Amino acid sequence: MRSKVLSAGAESLAEYEILEMLLFAAAPRGDTRPIAKSLIKEFGSLAKVLTASPEALRKVDRVGDATIATMKVAETLGVKLLRAKTEKRNVLSSWQALLEYCQGIMGHREIEHFRILFLNNKNHMIADEVQQTGTVNHTAAYPREVIKRALELSATSLILVHNHPSGDTTPSKADIAITKEIVTAAAALGIKVHDHLIVSANESTSLKSLGLM
């Protein structure tokens, strides 16, 4: 596989082969192909393997701490590469990179995460924080906590983001309602909410573009 990567590029590898090479770092003297195939079979894709929780990974036969640590390092590396495309940039003019970042860090999650991107007066991201996590189809958001954190960070604007594990990014009535609550609370303190993005592994929806905020 090493020769294949050097001659044809890493994109020539199947997902289980990429995982096999990653796992070789955790078990350099073992045959990592069976574990790689088991993980892909269990979670469905390489992305879902990398974003799986340690608890879920540990349930797969022969997966131990070394393998889990390798998966989490690989996941973090991917996040950092995606975030690098948005750092020290006006995220409103780097919208595609922002969407790729949000989908990369949240699109494959099995439960809903509600996160806030805090921006300064140049629309540079100064913080990216998960405010709440929930179930497979619901997470709660608290406007008071969102605004409190924005003030602590001296943020002048926000972008709201959450994922729909179902894959359907159509906003629910609850999504629309909480967006309006946060927009109202933020406006009272001079903080602008640019958008609320709903993402999945394969698509994204902007509430602003739908005229819902």
C-alpha atoms as a PDB file:
ATOM      1  CA  MET A   1       0.000   0.000   0.000  1.00  0.00           C
ATOM      2  CA  ARG A   2       2.896   2.342   0.685  1.00  0.00           C
ATOM      3  CA  SER A   3       4.105   1.885  -2.882  1.00  0.00           C
ATOM      4  CA  LYS A   4       0.572   2.438  -4.143  1.00  0.00           C
ATOM      5  CA  VAL A   5       0.335   5.734  -2.262  1.00  0.00           C
ATOM      6  CA  LEU A   6       3.705   6.911  -3.547  1.00  0.00           C
ATOM      7  CA  SER A   7       2.912   6.023  -7.151  1.00  0.00           C
ATOM      8  CA  ALA A   8      -0.798   6.794  -7.440  1.00  0.00           C
ATOM      9  CA  GLY A   9      -1.566   8.967  -4.410  1.00  0.00           C
ATOM     10  CA  ALA A  10      -3.499   8.242  -1.218  1.00  0.00           C
ATOM     11  CA  GLU A  11      -6.796   8.808  -3.032  1.00  0.00           C
ATOM     12  CA  SER A  12      -6.172   5.513  -4.835  1.00  0.00           C
ATOM     13  CA  LEU A  13      -6.724   3.598  -1.586  1.00  0.00           C
ATOM     14  CA  ALA A  14     -10.051   2.177  -0.506  1.00  0.00           C
ATOM     15  CA  GLU A  15     -11.402   3.511   2.784  1.00  0.00           C
ATOM     16  CA  TYR A  16     -10.492   0.341   4.659  1.00  0.00           C
ATOM     17  CA  GLU A  17      -6.937   0.572   3.258  1.00  0.00           C
ATOM     18  CA  ILE A  18      -6.552   4.142   4.526  1.00  0.00           C
ATOM     19  CA  LEU A  19      -7.756   2.966   7.903  1.00  0.00           C
ATOM     20  CA  GLU A  20      -5.446  -0.040   7.751  1.00  0.00           C
ATOM     21  CA  MET A  21      -2.443   2.243   7.239  1.00  0.00           C
ATOM     22  CA  LEU A  22      -3.529   4.492  10.096  1.00  0.00           C
ATOM     23  CA  LEU A  23      -3.932   1.521  12.410  1.00  0.00           C
ATOM     24  CA  PHE A  24      -0.467   0.278  11.516  1.00  0.00           C
ATOM     25  CA  ALA A  25       0.840   3.143  13.659  1.00  0.00           C
ATOM     26  CA  ALA A  26      -0.997   1.625  16.628  1.00  0.00           C
ATOM     27  CA  ALA A  27       0.055  -1.982  15.900  1.00  0.00           C
ATOM     28  CA  PRO A  28       3.133  -1.964  13.606  1.00  0.00           C
ATOM     29  CA  ARG A  29       3.713  -5.717  14.002  1.00  0.00           C
ATOM     30  CA  GLY A  30       0.132  -6.824  13.573  1.00  0.00           C
ATOM     31  CA  ASP A  31      -2.266  -7.408  10.701  1.00  0.00           C
ATOM     32  CA  THR A  32      -4.523  -4.369  10.859  1.00  0.00           C
ATOM     33  CA  ARG A  33      -6.673  -5.183   7.832  1.00  0.00           C
ATOM     34  CA  PRO A  34      -9.275  -7.275   9.742  1.00  0.00           C
ATOM     35  CA  ILE A  35      -9.738  -4.502  12.327  1.00  0.00           C
ATOM     36  CA  ALA A  36      -9.996  -1.868   9.597  1.00  0.00           C
ATOM     37  CA  LYS A  37     -12.655  -3.865   7.750  1.00  0.00           C
ATOM     38  CA  SER A  38     -14.557  -4.508  10.986  1.00  0.00           C
ATOM     39  CA  LEU A  39     -14.613  -0.803  11.800  1.00  0.00           C
ATOM     40  CA  ILE A  40     -15.824   0.195   8.342  1.00  0.00           C
ATOM     41  CA  LYS A  41     -18.515  -2.510   8.486  1.00  0.00           C
ATOM     42  CA  GLU A  42     -19.640  -1.402  11.949  1.00  0.00           C
ATOM     43  CA  PHE A  43     -19.793   2.357  11.318  1.00  0.00           C
ATOM     44  CA  GLY A  44     -20.369   2.502   7.554  1.00  0.00           C
ATOM     45  CA  SER A  45     -17.609   4.837   6.429  1.00  0.00           C
ATOM     46  CA  LEU A  46     -14.140   6.100   7.287  1.00  0.00           C
ATOM     47  CA  ALA A  47     -15.542   9.457   8.372  1.00  0.00           C
ATOM     48  CA  LYS A  48     -17.949   7.802  10.805  1.00  0.00           C
ATOM     49  CA  VAL A  49     -15.145   5.665  12.217  1.00  0.00           C
ATOM     50  CA  LEU A  50     -13.011   8.729  12.898  1.00  0.00           C
ATOM     51  CA  THR A  51     -15.863  10.650  14.528  1.00  0.00           C
ATOM     52  CA  ALA A  52     -17.173   7.726  16.594  1.00  0.00           C
ATOM     53  CA  SER A  53     -16.924   8.072  20.348  1.00  0.00           C
ATOM     54  CA  PRO A  54     -14.255   6.095  22.231  1.00  0.00           C
ATOM     55  CA  GLU A  55     -17.047   4.130  23.905  1.00  0.00           C
ATOM     56  CA  ALA A  56     -18.524   3.090  20.567  1.00  0.00           C
ATOM     57  CA  LEU A  57     -15.113   2.202  19.129  1.00  0.00           C
ATOM     58  CA  ARG A  58     -14.252   0.071  22.147  1.00  0.00           C
ATOM     59  CA  LYS A  59     -17.252  -2.182  21.465  1.00  0.00           C
ATOM     60  CA  VAL A  60     -15.618  -3.429  18.254  1.00  0.00           C
ATOM     61  CA  ASP A  61     -13.590  -6.611  18.682  1.00  0.00           C
ATOM     62  CA  ARG A  62      -9.804  -6.087  19.061  1.00  0.00           C
ATOM     63  CA  VAL A  63     -10.116  -2.311  19.322  1.00  0.00           C
ATOM     64  CA  GLY A  64      -8.165  -1.055  22.317  1.00  0.00           C
ATOM     65  CA  ASP A  65      -6.708   2.168  23.651  1.00  0.00           C
ATOM     66  CA  ALA A  66      -3.900   2.365  21.075  1.00  0.00           C
ATOM     67  CA  THR A  67      -6.368   2.120  18.180  1.00  0.00           C
ATOM     68  CA  ILE A  68      -8.764   4.607  19.747  1.00  0.00           C
ATOM     69  CA  ALA A  69      -5.948   7.104  20.370  1.00  0.00           C
ATOM     70  CA  THR A  70      -4.850   6.803  16.731  1.00  0.00           C
ATOM     71  CA  MET A  71      -8.414   7.432  15.513  1.00  0.00           C
ATOM     72  CA  LYS A  72      -8.811  10.507  17.691  1.00  0.00           C
ATOM     73  CA  VAL A  73      -5.471  11.951  16.532  1.00  0.00           C
ATOM     74  CA  ALA A  74      -6.513  11.407  12.904  1.00  0.00           C
ATOM     75  CA  GLU A  75      -9.879  13.077  13.579  1.00  0.00           C
ATOM     76  CA  THR A  76      -8.175  16.067  15.199  1.00  0.00           C
ATOM     77  CA  LEU A  77      -5.772  16.382  12.296  1.00  0.00           C
ATOM     78  CA  GLY A  78      -8.680  16.501   9.857  1.00  0.00           C
ATOM     79  CA  VAL A  79     -10.440  19.190  11.904  1.00  0.00           C
ATOM     80  CA  LYS A  80      -7.278  21.294  12.074  1.00  0.00           C
ATOM     81  CA  LEU A  81      -6.770  21.064   8.316  1.00  0.00           C
ATOM     82  CA  LEU A  82     -10.345  22.196   7.682  1.00  0.00           C
ATOM     83  CA  ARG A  83     -10.144  25.000  10.231  1.00  0.00           C
ATOM     84  CA  ALA A  84      -6.867  26.265   8.743  1.00  0.00           C
ATOM     85  CA  LYS A  85      -8.851  27.294   5.645  1.00  0.00           C
ATOM     86  CA  THR A  86     -10.987  29.655   7.748  1.00  0.00           C
ATOM     87  CA  GLU A  87      -8.463  31.037  10.257  1.00  0.00           C
ATOM     88  CA  LYS A  88      -7.553  34.715  10.042  1.00  0.00           C
ATOM     89  CA  ARG A  89     -10.018  35.176   7.214  1.00  0.00           C
ATOM     90  CA  ASN A  90     -13.308  36.949   6.849  1.00  0.00           C
ATOM     91  CA  VAL A  91     -15.521  33.869   7.077  1.00  0.00           C
ATOM     92  CA  LEU A  92     -18.352  35.616   5.253  1.00  0.00           C
ATOM     93  CA  SER A  93     -16.162  35.864   2.172  1.00  0.00           C
ATOM     94  CA  SER A  94     -14.815  32.322   2.657  1.00  0.00           C
ATOM     95  CA  TRP A  95     -18.258  30.751   2.895  1.00  0.00           C
ATOM     96  CA  GLN A  96     -17.524  27.512   1.049  1.00  0.00           C
ATOM     97  CA  ALA A  97     -14.538  26.820   3.296  1.00  0.00           C
ATOM     98  CA  LEU A  98     -16.756  27.497   6.314  1.00  0.00           C
ATOM     99  CA  LEU A  99     -19.406  25.070   5.085  1.00  0.00           C
ATOM    100  CA  GLU A 100     -16.765  22.384   4.501  1.00  0.00           C
ATOM    101  CA  TYR A 101     -15.436  22.968   8.010  1.00  0.00           C
ATOM    102  CA  CYS A 102     -18.875  22.693   9.608  1.00  0.00           C
ATOM    103  CA  GLN A 103     -19.783  19.573   7.654  1.00  0.00           C
ATOM    104  CA  GLY A 104     -16.398  18.028   8.406  1.00  0.00           C
ATOM    105  CA  ILE A 105     -16.624  18.465  12.158  1.00  0.00           C
ATOM    106  CA  MET A 106     -20.364  17.834  12.595  1.00  0.00           C
ATOM    107  CA  GLY A 107     -21.859  16.166   9.544  1.00  0.00           C
ATOM    108  CA  HIS A 108     -21.113  12.585  10.577  1.00  0.00           C
ATOM    109  CA  ARG A 109     -22.106  12.887  14.231  1.00  0.00           C
ATOM    110  CA  GLU A 110     -24.680  10.383  15.467  1.00  0.00           C
ATOM    111  CA  ILE A 111     -26.302  12.835  17.898  1.00  0.00           C
ATOM    112  CA  GLU A 112     -27.170  16.504  17.497  1.00  0.00           C
ATOM    113  CA  HIS A 113     -24.569  19.115  18.440  1.00  0.00           C
ATOM    114  CA  PHE A 114     -25.353  22.816  18.694  1.00  0.00           C
ATOM    115  CA  ARG A 115     -22.274  24.965  18.287  1.00  0.00           C
ATOM    116  CA  ILE A 116     -21.540  28.659  18.038  1.00  0.00           C
ATOM    117  CA  LEU A 117     -18.926  30.332  15.868  1.00  0.00           C
ATOM    118  CA  PHE A 118     -17.939  33.592  17.558  1.00  0.00           C
ATOM    119  CA  LEU A 119     -16.604  36.342  15.280  1.00  0.00           C
ATOM    120  CA  ASN A 120     -14.806  39.638  15.849  1.00  0.00           C
ATOM    121  CA  ASN A 121     -15.431  42.941  14.039  1.00  0.00           C
ATOM    122  CA  LYS A 122     -13.426  41.692  11.037  1.00  0.00           C
ATOM    123  CA  ASN A 123     -15.602  38.570  10.866  1.00  0.00           C
ATOM    124  CA  HIS A 124     -12.630  36.412  11.836  1.00  0.00           C
ATOM    125  CA  MET A 125     -13.489  33.364  13.917  1.00  0.00           C
ATOM    126  CA  ILE A 126     -12.226  33.907  17.467  1.00  0.00           C
ATOM    127  CA  ALA A 127     -13.829  30.821  18.993  1.00  0.00           C
ATOM    128  CA  ASP A 128     -15.776  27.738  17.972  1.00  0.00           C
ATOM    129  CA  GLU A 129     -17.586  26.070  20.834  1.00  0.00           C
ATOM    130  CA  VAL A 130     -20.161  23.323  21.263  1.00  0.00           C
ATOM    131  CA  GLN A 131     -22.855  24.744  23.488  1.00  0.00           C
ATOM    132  CA  GLN A 132     -25.053  21.672  23.821  1.00  0.00           C
ATOM    133  CA  THR A 133     -25.297  18.055  22.709  1.00  0.00           C
ATOM    134  CA  GLY A 134     -28.512  16.082  22.587  1.00  0.00           C
ATOM    135  CA  THR A 135     -30.104  12.992  21.093  1.00  0.00           C
ATOM    136  CA  VAL A 136     -30.352  11.671  17.550  1.00  0.00           C
ATOM    137  CA  ASN A 137     -33.030  14.232  16.701  1.00  0.00           C
ATOM    138  CA  HIS A 138     -32.960  17.015  19.286  1.00  0.00           C
ATOM    139  CA  THR A 139     -30.637  19.316  21.167  1.00  0.00           C
ATOM    140  CA  ALA A 140     -31.520  22.261  23.357  1.00  0.00           C
ATOM    141  CA  ALA A 141     -30.003  25.710  22.959  1.00  0.00           C
ATOM    142  CA  TYR A 142     -30.178  28.463  25.564  1.00  0.00           C
ATOM    143  CA  PRO A 143     -30.122  32.055  24.273  1.00  0.00           C
ATOM    144  CA  ARG A 144     -28.951  33.474  27.607  1.00  0.00           C
ATOM    145  CA  GLU A 145     -25.895  31.192  27.620  1.00  0.00           C
ATOM    146  CA  VAL A 146     -25.100  32.001  23.985  1.00  0.00           C
ATOM    147  CA  ILE A 147     -25.149  35.760  24.603  1.00  0.00           C
ATOM    148  CA  LYS A 148     -23.278  35.468  27.898  1.00  0.00           C
ATOM    149  CA  ARG A 149     -20.457  33.620  26.170  1.00  0.00           C
ATOM    150  CA  ALA A 150     -20.403  36.109  23.285  1.00  0.00           C
ATOM    151  CA  LEU A 151     -19.911  38.946  25.774  1.00  0.00           C
ATOM    152  CA  GLU A 152     -17.143  37.050  27.564  1.00  0.00           C
ATOM    153  CA  LEU A 153     -15.293  36.665  24.256  1.00  0.00           C
ATOM    154  CA  SER A 154     -16.036  40.242  23.099  1.00  0.00           C
ATOM    155  CA  ALA A 155     -17.601  38.782  19.970  1.00  0.00           C
ATOM    156  CA  THR A 156     -19.462  41.203  17.726  1.00  0.00           C
ATOM    157  CA  SER A 157     -21.300  38.573  15.682  1.00  0.00           C
ATOM    158  CA  LEU A 158     -22.213  34.892  15.624  1.00  0.00           C
ATOM    159  CA  ILE A 159     -22.949  32.016  13.301  1.00  0.00           C
ATOM    160  CA  LEU A 160     -25.132  29.249  14.725  1.00  0.00           C
ATOM    161  CA  VAL A 161     -24.553  25.700  13.541  1.00  0.00           C
ATOM    162  CA  HIS A 162     -26.122  22.363  14.335  1.00  0.00           C
ATOM    163  CA  ASN A 163     -26.318  18.979  12.659  1.00  0.00           C
ATOM    164  CA  HIS A 164     -29.172  16.676  11.706  1.00  0.00           C
ATOM    165  CA  PRO A 165     -27.993  13.041  12.035  1.00  0.00           C
ATOM    166  CA  SER A 166     -30.919  11.937   9.856  1.00  0.00           C
ATOM    167  CA  GLY A 167     -29.232  13.579   6.873  1.00  0.00           C
ATOM    168  CA  ASP A 168     -32.232  15.825   6.139  1.00  0.00           C
ATOM    169  CA  THR A 169     -31.197  19.421   6.836  1.00  0.00           C
ATOM    170  CA  THR A 170     -34.691  20.890   6.532  1.00  0.00           C
ATOM    171  CA  PRO A 171     -35.151  23.219   9.536  1.00  0.00           C
ATOM    172  CA  SER A 172     -37.749  22.166  12.079  1.00  0.00           C
ATOM    173  CA  LYS A 173     -40.182  24.523  13.807  1.00  0.00           C
ATOM    174  CA  ALA A 174     -37.977  24.309  16.898  1.00  0.00           C
ATOM    175  CA  ASP A 175     -34.908  25.256  14.838  1.00  0.00           C
ATOM    176  CA  ILE A 176     -36.679  28.333  13.499  1.00  0.00           C
ATOM    177  CA  ALA A 177     -38.015  29.330  16.919  1.00  0.00           C
ATOM    178  CA  ILE A 178     -34.675  29.118  18.735  1.00  0.00           C
ATOM    179  CA  THR A 179     -32.988  31.036  15.935  1.00  0.00           C
ATOM    180  CA  LYS A 180     -35.432  33.916  16.333  1.00  0.00           C
ATOM    181  CA  GLU A 181     -34.956  33.902  20.105  1.00  0.00           C
ATOM    182  CA  ILE A 182     -31.176  34.101  19.817  1.00  0.00           C
ATOM    183  CA  VAL A 183     -31.339  36.784  17.103  1.00  0.00           C
ATOM    184  CA  THR A 184     -33.610  38.920  19.300  1.00  0.00           C
ATOM    185  CA  ALA A 185     -31.467  38.472  22.419  1.00  0.00           C
ATOM    186  CA  ALA A 186     -28.261  39.220  20.509  1.00  0.00           C
ATOM    187  CA  ALA A 187     -29.655  42.309  18.780  1.00  0.00           C
ATOM    188  CA  ALA A 188     -30.556  43.834  22.157  1.00  0.00           C
ATOM    189  CA  LEU A 189     -26.821  43.918  22.952  1.00  0.00           C
ATOM    190  CA  GLY A 190     -25.614  44.937  19.516  1.00  0.00           C
ATOM    191  CA  ILE A 191     -24.495  41.438  18.488  1.00  0.00           C
ATOM    192  CA  LYS A 192     -25.395  40.276  14.986  1.00  0.00           C
ATOM    193  CA  VAL A 193     -26.326  36.697  14.087  1.00  0.00           C
ATOM    194  CA  HIS A 194     -25.225  36.186  10.480  1.00  0.00           C
ATOM    195  CA  ASP A 195     -26.809  32.794   9.909  1.00  0.00           C
ATOM    196  CA  HIS A 196     -27.933  29.497  11.329  1.00  0.00           C
ATOM    197  CA  LEU A 197     -26.534  26.539   9.399  1.00  0.00           C
ATOM    198  CA  ILE A 198     -27.902  23.018   9.573  1.00  0.00           C
ATOM    199  CA  VAL A 199     -25.498  20.399   8.274  1.00  0.00           C
ATOM    200  CA  SER A 200     -25.323  16.692   7.568  1.00  0.00           C
ATOM    201  CA  ALA A 201     -22.669  14.545   5.931  1.00  0.00           C
ATOM    202  CA  ASN A 202     -23.834  15.440   2.425  1.00  0.00           C
ATOM    203  CA  GLU A 203     -25.730  18.711   2.570  1.00  0.00           C
ATOM    204  CA  SER A 204     -26.233  21.986   4.379  1.00  0.00           C
ATOM    205  CA  THR A 205     -29.066  24.486   4.756  1.00  0.00           C
ATOM    206  CA  SER A 206     -28.888  28.183   5.600  1.00  0.00           C
ATOM    207  CA  LEU A 207     -31.866  29.602   7.494  1.00  0.00           C
ATOM    208  CA  LYS A 208     -30.882  33.065   6.268  1.00  0.00           C
ATOM    209  CA  SER A 209     -31.014  31.980   2.627  1.00  0.00           C
ATOM    210  CA  LEU A 210     -34.494  30.551   3.261  1.00  0.00           C
ATOM    211  CA  GLY A 211     -35.662  33.880   4.681  1.00  0.00           C
ATOM    212  CA  LEU A 212     -36.270  32.335   8.119  1.00  0.00           C
ATOM    213  CA  MET A 213     -34.273  34.856  10.113  1.00  0.00           C
END
